[in-house]
C-alpha atoms as a PDB file:
ATOM      1  CA  MET A   1       4.177  -3.049 -27.715  1.00  0.00           C
ATOM      2  CA  SER A   2       1.526  -1.678 -25.321  1.00  0.00           C
ATOM      3  CA  ASP A   3       2.923  -0.629 -21.622  1.00  0.00           C
ATOM      4  CA  ALA A   4       1.510  -4.199 -20.496  1.00  0.00           C
ATOM      5  CA  ASP A   5       4.048  -5.950 -22.467  1.00  0.00           C
ATOM      6  CA  TRP A   6       7.050  -4.385 -20.713  1.00  0.00           C
ATOM      7  CA  ALA A   7       8.732  -5.338 -17.850  1.00  0.00           C
ATOM      8  CA  ILE A   8      10.694  -2.498 -16.186  1.00  0.00           C
ATOM      9  CA  LEU A   9      13.981  -3.006 -14.758  1.00  0.00           C
ATOM     10  CA  ALA A  10      15.693   0.523 -14.190  1.00  0.00           C
ATOM     11  CA  ARG A  11      15.325   4.112 -14.317  1.00  0.00           C
ATOM     12  CA  LEU A  12      18.247   6.067 -15.733  1.00  0.00           C
ATOM     13  CA  VAL A  13      19.455   8.610 -13.464  1.00  0.00           C
ATOM     14  CA  ARG A  14      22.509  10.197 -14.805  1.00  0.00           C
ATOM     15  CA  PRO A  15      26.112   9.904 -16.556  1.00  0.00           C
ATOM     16  CA  GLN A  16      28.493   7.829 -14.200  1.00  0.00           C
ATOM     17  CA  GLY A  17      31.976   8.106 -15.922  1.00  0.00           C
ATOM     18  CA  ARG A  18      33.639   9.621 -18.861  1.00  0.00           C
ATOM     19  CA  HIS A  19      32.836   7.189 -21.518  1.00  0.00           C
ATOM     20  CA  GLY A  20      29.173   6.823 -21.550  1.00  0.00           C
ATOM     21  CA  GLU A  21      28.442   4.815 -18.588  1.00  0.00           C
ATOM     22  CA  ILE A  22      25.032   5.743 -16.723  1.00  0.00           C
ATOM     23  CA  LEU A  23      23.670   5.220 -13.348  1.00  0.00           C
ATOM     24  CA  ALA A  24      20.354   3.753 -12.696  1.00  0.00           C
ATOM     25  CA  ASP A  25      17.915   2.981 -10.064  1.00  0.00           C
ATOM     26  CA  LEU A  26      17.100  -0.604  -9.803  1.00  0.00           C
ATOM     27  CA  LEU A  27      13.276  -1.565 -10.321  1.00  0.00           C
ATOM     28  CA  THR A  28      13.701  -5.359 -10.455  1.00  0.00           C
ATOM     29  CA  ASP A  29      14.148  -7.868  -7.811  1.00  0.00           C
ATOM     30  CA  PHE A  30      16.747  -9.473  -9.911  1.00  0.00           C
ATOM     31  CA  PRO A  31      19.693  -7.380 -10.646  1.00  0.00           C
ATOM     32  CA  GLU A  32      22.002 -10.267 -11.158  1.00  0.00           C
ATOM     33  CA  ARG A  33      19.950 -10.991 -14.498  1.00  0.00           C
ATOM     34  CA  PHE A  34      21.819  -7.973 -16.208  1.00  0.00           C
ATOM     35  CA  ALA A  35      24.688 -10.405 -16.445  1.00  0.00           C
ATOM     36  CA  GLU A  36      22.332 -12.529 -18.875  1.00  0.00           C
ATOM     37  CA  ARG A  37      20.760  -9.820 -20.894  1.00  0.00           C
ATOM     38  CA  LYS A  38      22.551  -7.920 -23.760  1.00  0.00           C
ATOM     39  CA  ARG A  39      19.179  -6.592 -25.270  1.00  0.00           C
ATOM     40  CA  LEU A  40      17.287  -4.264 -23.657  1.00  0.00           C
ATOM     41  CA  PHE A  41      14.971  -1.454 -24.465  1.00  0.00           C
ATOM     42  CA  LEU A  42      14.739   2.094 -23.496  1.00  0.00           C
ATOM     43  CA  VAL A  43      11.185   3.763 -23.105  1.00  0.00           C
ATOM     44  CA  ALA A  44      10.195   6.955 -22.362  1.00  0.00           C
ATOM     45  CA  SER A  45       7.341   5.862 -19.733  1.00  0.00           C
ATOM     46  CA  GLU A  46       5.426   2.555 -19.598  1.00  0.00           C
ATOM     47  CA  THR A  47       2.407   4.433 -21.137  1.00  0.00           C
ATOM     48  CA  SER A  48       4.744   6.438 -23.721  1.00  0.00           C
ATOM     49  CA  ARG A  49       3.514   6.354 -27.412  1.00  0.00           C
ATOM     50  CA  THR A  50       7.071   6.830 -28.309  1.00  0.00           C
ATOM     51  CA  PRO A  51       8.466   3.694 -30.101  1.00  0.00           C
ATOM     52  CA  ALA A  52      10.928   1.861 -27.818  1.00  0.00           C
ATOM     53  CA  ARG A  53      14.897   1.937 -28.734  1.00  0.00           C
ATOM     54  CA  GLU A  54      16.664  -1.032 -28.571  1.00  0.00           C
ATOM     55  CA  VAL A  55      20.156  -1.310 -27.108  1.00  0.00           C
ATOM     56  CA  THR A  56      22.798  -3.629 -26.354  1.00  0.00           C
ATOM     57  CA  LEU A  57      24.240  -3.928 -23.014  1.00  0.00           C
ATOM     58  CA  GLU A  58      28.245  -4.295 -23.167  1.00  0.00           C
ATOM     59  CA  ARG A  59      28.660  -4.197 -19.144  1.00  0.00           C
ATOM     60  CA  HIS A  60      27.073  -3.370 -15.856  1.00  0.00           C
ATOM     61  CA  TRP A  61      28.131  -3.179 -12.107  1.00  0.00           C
ATOM     62  CA  LEU A  62      26.116  -2.845  -8.877  1.00  0.00           C
ATOM     63  CA  HIS A  63      26.999   0.372  -7.089  1.00  0.00           C
ATOM     64  CA  LYS A  64      25.451   0.700  -3.662  1.00  0.00           C
ATOM     65  CA  SER A  65      21.936   0.203  -4.185  1.00  0.00           C
ATOM     66  CA  ARG A  66      21.911   1.273  -7.959  1.00  0.00           C
ATOM     67  CA  VAL A  67      23.491  -0.299 -11.088  1.00  0.00           C
ATOM     68  CA  VAL A  68      26.028   1.267 -13.540  1.00  0.00           C
ATOM     69  CA  LEU A  69      25.046   0.310 -17.286  1.00  0.00           C
ATOM     70  CA  LYS A  70      27.223   0.836 -20.343  1.00  0.00           C
ATOM     71  CA  PHE A  71      25.268   0.559 -23.875  1.00  0.00           C
ATOM     72  CA  SER A  72      26.816  -0.178 -26.906  1.00  0.00           C
ATOM     73  CA  GLY A  73      27.107   3.283 -29.096  1.00  0.00           C
ATOM     74  CA  ILE A  74      26.912   5.574 -25.998  1.00  0.00           C
ATOM     75  CA  ASP A  75      30.275   6.424 -25.302  1.00  0.00           C
ATOM     76  CA  SER A  76      30.456   9.985 -23.849  1.00  0.00           C
ATOM     77  CA  ILE A  77      28.744  11.877 -21.013  1.00  0.00           C
ATOM     78  CA  ASN A  78      26.788  13.969 -23.586  1.00  0.00           C
ATOM     79  CA  ASP A  79      25.486  10.562 -24.954  1.00  0.00           C
ATOM     80  CA  ALA A  80      24.737   9.468 -21.427  1.00  0.00           C
ATOM     81  CA  GLU A  81      22.892  12.841 -20.496  1.00  0.00           C
ATOM     82  CA  LEU A  82      20.541  12.269 -23.535  1.00  0.00           C
ATOM     83  CA  LEU A  83      19.193   9.167 -22.098  1.00  0.00           C
ATOM     84  CA  ARG A  84      18.476  10.529 -18.336  1.00  0.00           C
ATOM     85  CA  GLY A  85      15.020   9.618 -16.955  1.00  0.00           C
ATOM     86  CA  LEU A  86      14.437   6.930 -19.547  1.00  0.00           C
ATOM     87  CA  LEU A  87      13.288   3.564 -18.220  1.00  0.00           C
ATOM     88  CA  VAL A  88      15.206  -0.119 -19.209  1.00  0.00           C
ATOM     89  CA  ALA A  89      12.832  -2.432 -19.917  1.00  0.00           C
ATOM     90  CA  ILE A  90      12.384  -6.088 -21.441  1.00  0.00           C
ATOM     91  CA  PRO A  91       9.421  -7.887 -22.937  1.00  0.00           C
ATOM     92  CA  ALA A  92       7.184  -9.010 -19.989  1.00  0.00           C
ATOM     93  CA  SER A  93       7.319 -12.200 -21.641  1.00  0.00           C
ATOM     94  CA  GLU A  94      10.966 -12.192 -20.694  1.00  0.00           C
ATOM     95  CA  ARG A  95      10.716 -11.788 -17.211  1.00  0.00           C
ATOM     96  CA  ALA A  96      12.131 -14.161 -14.187  1.00  0.00           C
ATOM     97  CA  PRO A  97       9.415 -16.432 -12.833  1.00  0.00           C
ATOM     98  CA  LEU A  98       8.478 -16.026  -9.672  1.00  0.00           C
ATOM     99  CA  SER A  99       7.439 -18.168  -6.628  1.00  0.00           C
ATOM    100  CA  ASP A 100       3.657 -18.445  -5.818  1.00  0.00           C
ATOM    101  CA  GLY A 101       2.426 -15.155  -3.915  1.00  0.00           C
ATOM    102  CA  ALA A 102       5.289 -12.908  -4.964  1.00  0.00           C
ATOM    103  CA  VAL A 103       4.891 -10.200  -7.430  1.00  0.00           C
ATOM    104  CA  TYR A 104       6.863  -7.540  -9.426  1.00  0.00           C
ATOM    105  CA  ILE A 105       7.490  -4.387  -8.156  1.00  0.00           C
ATOM    106  CA  SER A 106       6.818  -3.091 -11.548  1.00  0.00           C
ATOM    107  CA  ASP A 107       3.057  -4.601 -10.932  1.00  0.00           C
ATOM    108  CA  LEU A 108       2.654  -2.638  -7.842  1.00  0.00           C
ATOM    109  CA  ILE A 109       3.160   0.724  -8.906  1.00  0.00           C
ATOM    110  CA  GLY A 110       0.327   2.560 -10.261  1.00  0.00           C
ATOM    111  CA  GLY A 111      -1.836   0.254  -8.278  1.00  0.00           C
ATOM    112  CA  GLU A 112      -4.495   1.365  -5.767  1.00  0.00           C
ATOM    113  CA  VAL A 113      -4.046   0.612  -1.915  1.00  0.00           C
ATOM    114  CA  VAL A 114      -7.601  -0.081  -0.358  1.00  0.00           C
ATOM    115  CA  ASN A 115      -7.548  -0.472   3.500  1.00  0.00           C
ATOM    116  CA  VAL A 116     -10.172  -3.285   4.274  1.00  0.00           C
ATOM    117  CA  SER A 117      -9.855  -3.405   7.923  1.00  0.00           C
ATOM    118  CA  SER A 118     -13.188  -1.622   8.478  1.00  0.00           C
ATOM    119  CA  SER A 119     -15.426  -0.266   5.550  1.00  0.00           C
ATOM    120  CA  PRO A 120     -13.199  -0.624   2.623  1.00  0.00           C
ATOM    121  CA  ALA A 121     -11.555   2.877   1.689  1.00  0.00           C
ATOM    122  CA  SER A 122      -9.055   4.167  -0.685  1.00  0.00           C
ATOM    123  CA  VAL A 123      -5.625   5.130   0.759  1.00  0.00           C
ATOM    124  CA  GLY A 124      -3.951   6.100  -2.446  1.00  0.00           C
ATOM    125  CA  THR A 125      -2.078   5.225  -5.548  1.00  0.00           C
ATOM    126  CA  ILE A 126       1.624   3.397  -5.220  1.00  0.00           C
ATOM    127  CA  THR A 127       4.203   5.798  -6.770  1.00  0.00           C
ATOM    128  CA  ASP A 128       7.390   3.921  -5.632  1.00  0.00           C
ATOM    129  CA  VAL A 129       8.652   0.993  -3.554  1.00  0.00           C
ATOM    130  CA  ASP A 130      11.308   1.399  -1.078  1.00  0.00           C
ATOM    131  CA  ARG A 131      12.808  -2.160  -1.303  1.00  0.00           C
ATOM    132  CA  GLU A 132      15.533  -1.892   1.356  1.00  0.00           C
ATOM    133  CA  ALA A 133      13.068  -0.803   3.834  1.00  0.00           C
ATOM    134  CA  GLY A 134       9.934  -2.847   2.198  1.00  0.00           C
ATOM    135  CA  LEU A 135       7.680   0.164   2.250  1.00  0.00           C
ATOM    136  CA  LEU A 136       5.170   1.000  -0.353  1.00  0.00           C
ATOM    137  CA  VAL A 137       4.932   4.583  -1.332  1.00  0.00           C
ATOM    138  CA  VAL A 138       1.567   5.760  -1.467  1.00  0.00           C
ATOM    139  CA  GLN A 139      -0.030   9.475  -2.676  1.00  0.00           C
ATOM    140  CA  PRO A 140      -3.314   9.913  -1.466  1.00  0.00           C
ATOM    141  CA  ALA A 141      -5.962  11.810  -3.242  1.00  0.00           C
ATOM    142  CA  GLY A 142      -5.436  14.855  -1.427  1.00  0.00           C
ATOM    143  CA  GLY A 143      -1.756  14.565  -2.142  1.00  0.00           C
ATOM    144  CA  GLY A 144       1.168  13.813   0.182  1.00  0.00           C
ATOM    145  CA  GLU A 145       2.749  10.782   0.577  1.00  0.00           C
ATOM    146  CA  ILE A 146       2.272   7.742   2.906  1.00  0.00           C
ATOM    147  CA  LEU A 147       4.695   4.987   3.886  1.00  0.00           C
ATOM    148  CA  ILE A 148       2.878   1.408   4.277  1.00  0.00           C
ATOM    149  CA  PRO A 149       5.097  -1.875   5.229  1.00  0.00           C
ATOM    150  CA  PHE A 150       4.549  -4.208   2.424  1.00  0.00           C
ATOM    151  CA  ALA A 151       4.157  -7.323   5.167  1.00  0.00           C
ATOM    152  CA  LYS A 152       2.144 -10.416   4.518  1.00  0.00           C
ATOM    153  CA  ALA A 153       0.665  -9.551   8.048  1.00  0.00           C
ATOM    154  CA  TYR A 154      -1.186  -6.650   6.180  1.00  0.00           C
ATOM    155  CA  LEU A 155      -1.898  -8.088   2.714  1.00  0.00           C
ATOM    156  CA  ALA A 156      -5.408  -9.253   2.256  1.00  0.00           C
ATOM    157  CA  ASP A 157      -5.263  -9.466  -1.883  1.00  0.00           C
ATOM    158  CA  ILE A 158      -3.467  -8.500  -4.820  1.00  0.00           C
ATOM    159  CA  ASP A 159      -5.315  -8.262  -8.089  1.00  0.00           C
ATOM    160  CA  VAL A 160      -1.998  -7.586 -10.259  1.00  0.00           C
ATOM    161  CA  LYS A 161      -4.321  -7.044 -13.584  1.00  0.00           C
ATOM    162  CA  GLY A 162      -7.058  -4.654 -11.877  1.00  0.00           C
ATOM    163  CA  LYS A 163      -4.159  -2.756 -10.016  1.00  0.00           C
ATOM    164  CA  ARG A 164      -5.557  -3.251  -6.630  1.00  0.00           C
ATOM    165  CA  ILE A 165      -3.848  -4.014  -3.473  1.00  0.00           C
ATOM    166  CA  GLU A 166      -6.179  -4.694  -0.289  1.00  0.00           C
ATOM    167  CA  MET A 167      -4.526  -4.575   3.105  1.00  0.00           C
ATOM    168  CA  ARG A 168      -5.758  -4.786   6.747  1.00  0.00           C
ATOM    169  CA  LEU A 169      -3.971  -2.097   8.086  1.00  0.00           C
ATOM    170  CA  PRO A 170      -3.567  -1.603  11.952  1.00  0.00           C
ATOM    171  CA  ASP A 171      -5.542   1.298  13.419  1.00  0.00           C
ATOM    172  CA  GLY A 172      -2.915   4.482  13.493  1.00  0.00           C
ATOM    173  CA  LEU A 173      -0.911   3.477  10.867  1.00  0.00           C
ATOM    174  CA  LEU A 174      -2.207   5.874   8.430  1.00  0.00           C
ATOM    175  CA  ASP A 175      -2.088   8.767  10.767  1.00  0.00           C
ATOM    176  CA  ILE A 176       1.791   8.381  11.517  1.00  0.00           C
ATOM    177  CA  ASN A 177       2.367  10.114   8.245  1.00  0.00           C
ATOM    178  CA  ALA A 178      -0.442  12.371   7.990  1.00  0.00           C
ATOM    179  CA  PRO A 179       0.226  16.010   7.235  1.00  0.00           C
ATOM    180  CA  VAL A 180       0.391  18.195  10.425  1.00  0.00           C
ATOM    181  CA  SER A 181      -2.701  20.169  10.476  1.00  0.00           C
ATOM    182  CA  GLU A 182      -2.619  24.150  10.930  1.00  0.00           C
ATOM    183  CA  GLU A 183      -3.448  23.588  14.761  1.00  0.00           C
ATOM    184  CA  GLU A 184      -0.739  21.201  15.446  1.00  0.00           C
ATOM    185  CA  ARG A 185       1.575  23.631  13.388  1.00  0.00           C
ATOM    186  CA  ARG A 186       0.802  26.406  15.644  1.00  0.00           C
ATOM    187  CA  ALA A 187       1.089  24.319  18.830  1.00  0.00           C
ATOM    188  CA  LEU A 188       4.598  23.485  17.622  1.00  0.00           C
ATOM    189  CA  ASP A 189       5.466  27.203  16.800  1.00  0.00           C
ATOM    190  CA  THR A 190       4.617  28.162  20.172  1.00  0.00           C
ATOM    191  CA  THR A 191       6.731  25.336  21.704  1.00  0.00           C
ATOM    192  CA  ASP A 192       9.772  26.544  19.578  1.00  0.00           C
ATOM    193  CA  GLU A 193       9.171  30.217  20.655  1.00  0.00           C
ATOM    194  CA  GLY A 194       9.191  29.413  24.417  1.00  0.00           C
ATOM    195  CA  GLU A 195      12.454  27.791  24.163  1.00  0.00           C
END
């Protein structure tokens, strides 16, 4: 299967327990669907050439904003440790249907955010989505990180296949997360010294 054929549900973080359980970051809006799924796949990355490993889900439970997964045949801390960093996936054809206008988080990751408020300009690439806060985590070409509210009021267009998210961002929003300049850093340093 190619990367477009997978829907990523979770990222395995670390062992959680003594019997092969593993804690995972949720990357799905439908964590309750783990109850319906017994057949899952582990992939190294969405674009990995390494074949996917099919696993059987024995049980799961939500833990804070994450999920704990127990796979058949993974019965020790050492077994679980070997899975650290892998992605839990299903074939894209098995994803839950969405209502009109909704998108999967996994479809946003890797997409380019373009600010179309004035002349269109690339903001950067989406590296993550903070589901609880409703924020896109965007990495500009120059490095760093920008947090952008994923709000309908700002959204102009989403091209899922083209990996392009057009937004009308208010003036000053991108400046909030801008790195501190050398001049600002010196001004802060002199303020701190005066206290």
